């Protein structure tokens, strides 16, 4: 399974991108090719897509480097995992 995550054949999802979830997703994004960050707060997702973390758990630079796909729509999330 780890090999599939590393290669991008499998996707890892982190649900809820708060104080714990966002830093965790960013670290997973460094190790794995396909990472989804999901949160139902559309405003939060839009800010993260624009490299803004209002909780200040990560820097603008870290968000710019990440390849995480940020999603707030449950239907889209369901189709991706």
N, C-alpha and C. Protein backbone atom coordinates (compact mmCIF):
# COMPACT_ATOMS: atom_id res chain seq x y z
N UNK A 1 0.81 -1.20 0.00
CA UNK A 1 0.00 0.00 0.00
C UNK A 1 0.86 1.27 0.00
N UNK A 2 1.90 1.30 0.81
CA UNK A 2 2.78 2.47 0.84
C UNK A 2 3.37 2.74 -0.53
N UNK A 3 3.77 1.68 -1.21
CA UNK A 3 4.34 1.84 -2.55
C UNK A 3 3.33 2.48 -3.50
N UNK A 4 2.06 2.10 -3.37
CA UNK A 4 1.01 2.67 -4.22
C UNK A 4 0.80 4.15 -3.92
N UNK A 5 0.93 4.54 -2.66
CA UNK A 5 0.82 5.96 -2.29
C UNK A 5 2.02 6.75 -2.82
N UNK A 6 3.19 6.18 -2.70
CA UNK A 6 4.40 6.86 -3.18
C UNK A 6 4.35 7.04 -4.69
N UNK A 7 3.89 6.03 -5.40
CA UNK A 7 3.85 6.09 -6.85
C UNK A 7 2.69 6.94 -7.39
N UNK A 8 1.69 7.19 -6.56
CA UNK A 8 0.53 7.95 -7.01
C UNK A 8 -0.60 7.08 -7.52
N UNK A 9 -0.43 5.76 -7.45
CA UNK A 9 -1.50 4.86 -7.88
C UNK A 9 -2.70 4.92 -6.93
N UNK A 10 -2.43 5.23 -5.67
CA UNK A 10 -3.48 5.39 -4.67
C UNK A 10 -3.45 6.82 -4.16
N UNK A 11 -4.60 7.27 -3.69
CA UNK A 11 -4.74 8.62 -3.16
C UNK A 11 -4.95 8.58 -1.66
N UNK A 12 -4.29 9.47 -0.95
CA UNK A 12 -4.48 9.60 0.48
C UNK A 12 -5.32 10.84 0.73
N UNK A 13 -6.31 10.74 1.60
CA UNK A 13 -7.16 11.88 1.91
C UNK A 13 -7.06 12.24 3.38
N UNK A 14 -7.00 13.54 3.65
CA UNK A 14 -7.05 14.06 5.01
C UNK A 14 -8.34 14.85 5.12
N UNK A 15 -9.16 14.46 6.08
CA UNK A 15 -10.46 15.10 6.28
C UNK A 15 -10.36 16.06 7.46
N UNK A 16 -10.82 17.27 7.24
CA UNK A 16 -10.80 18.39 8.18
C UNK A 16 -9.40 18.99 8.23
N UNK A 17 -9.29 20.18 7.72
CA UNK A 17 -8.00 20.84 7.57
C UNK A 17 -7.81 21.94 8.60
N UNK A 18 -7.90 21.55 9.85
CA UNK A 18 -7.69 22.50 10.94
C UNK A 18 -6.27 22.49 11.43
N UNK A 19 -6.12 22.68 12.74
CA UNK A 19 -4.80 22.78 13.36
C UNK A 19 -3.96 21.50 13.22
N UNK A 20 -4.62 20.37 13.15
CA UNK A 20 -3.92 19.10 12.99
C UNK A 20 -3.93 18.64 11.53
N UNK A 21 -5.08 18.71 10.89
CA UNK A 21 -5.25 18.16 9.55
C UNK A 21 -4.41 18.82 8.48
N UNK A 22 -4.31 20.14 8.48
CA UNK A 22 -3.56 20.82 7.43
C UNK A 22 -2.06 20.50 7.49
N UNK A 23 -1.42 20.63 8.66
CA UNK A 23 0.01 20.26 8.69
C UNK A 23 0.23 18.79 8.34
N UNK A 24 -0.69 17.93 8.74
CA UNK A 24 -0.58 16.51 8.40
C UNK A 24 -0.68 16.31 6.89
N UNK A 25 -1.65 16.97 6.26
CA UNK A 25 -1.82 16.87 4.81
C UNK A 25 -0.58 17.37 4.08
N UNK A 26 0.00 18.45 4.55
CA UNK A 26 1.20 18.99 3.91
C UNK A 26 2.36 18.00 4.01
N UNK A 27 2.53 17.39 5.15
CA UNK A 27 3.61 16.40 5.30
C UNK A 27 3.36 15.18 4.43
N UNK A 28 2.11 14.71 4.37
CA UNK A 28 1.78 13.60 3.47
C UNK A 28 2.05 14.00 2.02
N UNK A 29 1.75 15.25 1.69
CA UNK A 29 1.97 15.73 0.33
C UNK A 29 3.44 15.73 -0.07
N UNK A 30 4.31 15.83 0.90
CA UNK A 30 5.75 15.77 0.61
C UNK A 30 6.19 14.35 0.28
N UNK A 31 5.49 13.37 0.84
CA UNK A 31 5.89 11.97 0.68
C UNK A 31 5.12 11.24 -0.43
N UNK A 32 3.87 11.66 -0.66
CA UNK A 32 3.01 10.94 -1.58
C UNK A 32 2.57 11.85 -2.72
N UNK A 33 2.38 11.26 -3.90
CA UNK A 33 2.05 12.05 -5.09
C UNK A 33 0.61 12.53 -5.15
N UNK A 34 -0.32 11.76 -4.60
CA UNK A 34 -1.74 12.09 -4.73
C UNK A 34 -2.37 12.24 -3.34
N UNK A 35 -2.54 13.50 -2.92
CA UNK A 35 -3.11 13.79 -1.61
C UNK A 35 -4.27 14.76 -1.78
N UNK A 36 -5.38 14.44 -1.12
CA UNK A 36 -6.55 15.31 -1.10
C UNK A 36 -6.71 15.87 0.31
N UNK A 37 -6.97 17.15 0.39
CA UNK A 37 -7.33 17.79 1.65
C UNK A 37 -8.79 18.18 1.56
N UNK A 38 -9.62 17.62 2.45
CA UNK A 38 -11.06 17.88 2.40
C UNK A 38 -11.52 18.59 3.66
N UNK A 39 -12.34 19.61 3.45
CA UNK A 39 -12.99 20.31 4.55
C UNK A 39 -14.31 20.87 4.00
N UNK A 40 -15.36 20.80 4.79
CA UNK A 40 -16.66 21.29 4.30
C UNK A 40 -16.75 22.82 4.30
N UNK A 41 -15.78 23.47 4.92
CA UNK A 41 -15.76 24.92 4.97
C UNK A 41 -15.19 25.45 3.64
N UNK A 42 -16.08 25.84 2.74
CA UNK A 42 -15.68 26.28 1.40
C UNK A 42 -14.77 27.51 1.46
N UNK A 43 -15.03 28.41 2.39
CA UNK A 43 -14.19 29.59 2.54
C UNK A 43 -12.76 29.20 2.89
N UNK A 44 -12.63 28.25 3.80
CA UNK A 44 -11.30 27.76 4.19
C UNK A 44 -10.57 27.16 2.99
N UNK A 45 -11.27 26.33 2.22
CA UNK A 45 -10.67 25.70 1.05
C UNK A 45 -10.24 26.74 0.03
N UNK A 46 -11.09 27.73 -0.21
CA UNK A 46 -10.73 28.79 -1.17
C UNK A 46 -9.49 29.55 -0.72
N UNK A 47 -9.39 29.81 0.57
CA UNK A 47 -8.20 30.50 1.08
C UNK A 47 -6.96 29.63 0.92
N UNK A 48 -7.08 28.34 1.22
CA UNK A 48 -5.94 27.44 1.07
C UNK A 48 -5.51 27.35 -0.39
N UNK A 49 -6.46 27.33 -1.30
CA UNK A 49 -6.12 27.30 -2.72
C UNK A 49 -5.36 28.55 -3.13
N UNK A 50 -5.57 29.64 -2.39
CA UNK A 50 -4.87 30.90 -2.65
C UNK A 50 -3.67 31.10 -1.72
N UNK A 51 -3.25 29.99 -1.09
CA UNK A 51 -2.05 29.97 -0.24
C UNK A 51 -2.19 30.79 1.03
N UNK A 52 -3.40 30.85 1.57
CA UNK A 52 -3.65 31.59 2.80
C UNK A 52 -4.15 30.62 3.86
N UNK A 53 -3.42 30.56 4.98
CA UNK A 53 -3.85 29.76 6.12
C UNK A 53 -4.15 30.71 7.27
N UNK A 54 -5.42 30.97 7.51
CA UNK A 54 -5.80 31.92 8.56
C UNK A 54 -5.44 31.40 9.95
N UNK A 55 -5.25 30.09 10.11
CA UNK A 55 -4.86 29.52 11.40
C UNK A 55 -3.35 29.63 11.64
N UNK A 56 -2.62 30.02 10.60
CA UNK A 56 -1.17 30.20 10.65
C UNK A 56 -0.44 28.92 11.10
N UNK A 57 -0.96 27.77 10.64
CA UNK A 57 -0.30 26.50 10.93
C UNK A 57 0.79 26.20 9.93
N UNK A 58 0.76 26.87 8.80
CA UNK A 58 1.77 26.68 7.77
C UNK A 58 2.01 27.98 7.04
N UNK A 59 3.10 28.03 6.33
CA UNK A 59 3.48 29.28 5.66
C UNK A 59 2.94 29.34 4.23
N UNK A 60 2.97 30.53 3.69
CA UNK A 60 2.59 30.74 2.30
C UNK A 60 3.49 29.90 1.40
N UNK A 61 4.77 29.86 1.72
CA UNK A 61 5.73 29.10 0.91
C UNK A 61 5.39 27.61 0.89
N UNK A 62 5.04 27.06 2.04
CA UNK A 62 4.67 25.64 2.11
C UNK A 62 3.41 25.37 1.29
N UNK A 63 2.44 26.26 1.36
CA UNK A 63 1.21 26.07 0.59
C UNK A 63 1.47 26.20 -0.91
N UNK A 64 2.39 27.06 -1.29
CA UNK A 64 2.72 27.21 -2.71
C UNK A 64 3.43 25.97 -3.25
N UNK A 65 4.21 25.30 -2.41
CA UNK A 65 4.95 24.11 -2.83
C UNK A 65 4.08 22.86 -2.89
N UNK A 66 2.98 22.85 -2.20
CA UNK A 66 2.20 21.62 -2.07
C UNK A 66 1.43 21.28 -3.35
N UNK A 67 1.23 19.99 -3.54
CA UNK A 67 0.43 19.51 -4.67
C UNK A 67 -0.91 18.96 -4.19
N UNK A 68 -1.27 19.28 -2.96
CA UNK A 68 -2.53 18.80 -2.39
C UNK A 68 -3.70 19.36 -3.20
N UNK A 69 -4.66 18.50 -3.48
CA UNK A 69 -5.89 18.96 -4.11
C UNK A 69 -6.88 19.28 -2.99
N UNK A 70 -7.18 20.57 -2.81
CA UNK A 70 -8.10 21.01 -1.76
C UNK A 70 -9.53 20.94 -2.29
N UNK A 71 -10.40 20.26 -1.52
CA UNK A 71 -11.79 20.03 -1.94
C UNK A 71 -12.73 20.34 -0.80
N UNK A 72 -13.85 21.01 -1.11
CA UNK A 72 -14.89 21.26 -0.10
C UNK A 72 -16.21 20.60 -0.45
N UNK A 73 -16.36 20.16 -1.67
CA UNK A 73 -17.61 19.55 -2.11
C UNK A 73 -17.62 18.05 -1.80
N UNK A 74 -18.58 17.58 -0.98
CA UNK A 74 -18.62 16.16 -0.61
C UNK A 74 -18.76 15.22 -1.82
N UNK A 75 -19.52 15.62 -2.82
CA UNK A 75 -19.70 14.76 -4.00
C UNK A 75 -18.39 14.61 -4.76
N UNK A 76 -17.66 15.70 -4.92
CA UNK A 76 -16.37 15.65 -5.59
C UNK A 76 -15.40 14.78 -4.79
N UNK A 77 -15.41 14.97 -3.50
CA UNK A 77 -14.55 14.17 -2.63
C UNK A 77 -14.87 12.68 -2.76
N UNK A 78 -16.14 12.34 -2.73
CA UNK A 78 -16.56 10.95 -2.85
C UNK A 78 -16.09 10.34 -4.16
N UNK A 79 -16.15 11.09 -5.24
CA UNK A 79 -15.73 10.59 -6.55
C UNK A 79 -14.22 10.43 -6.67
N UNK A 80 -13.47 11.16 -5.86
CA UNK A 80 -12.01 11.13 -5.96
C UNK A 80 -11.36 10.03 -5.14
N UNK A 81 -12.09 9.52 -4.12
CA UNK A 81 -11.45 8.51 -3.27
C UNK A 81 -11.90 7.11 -3.61
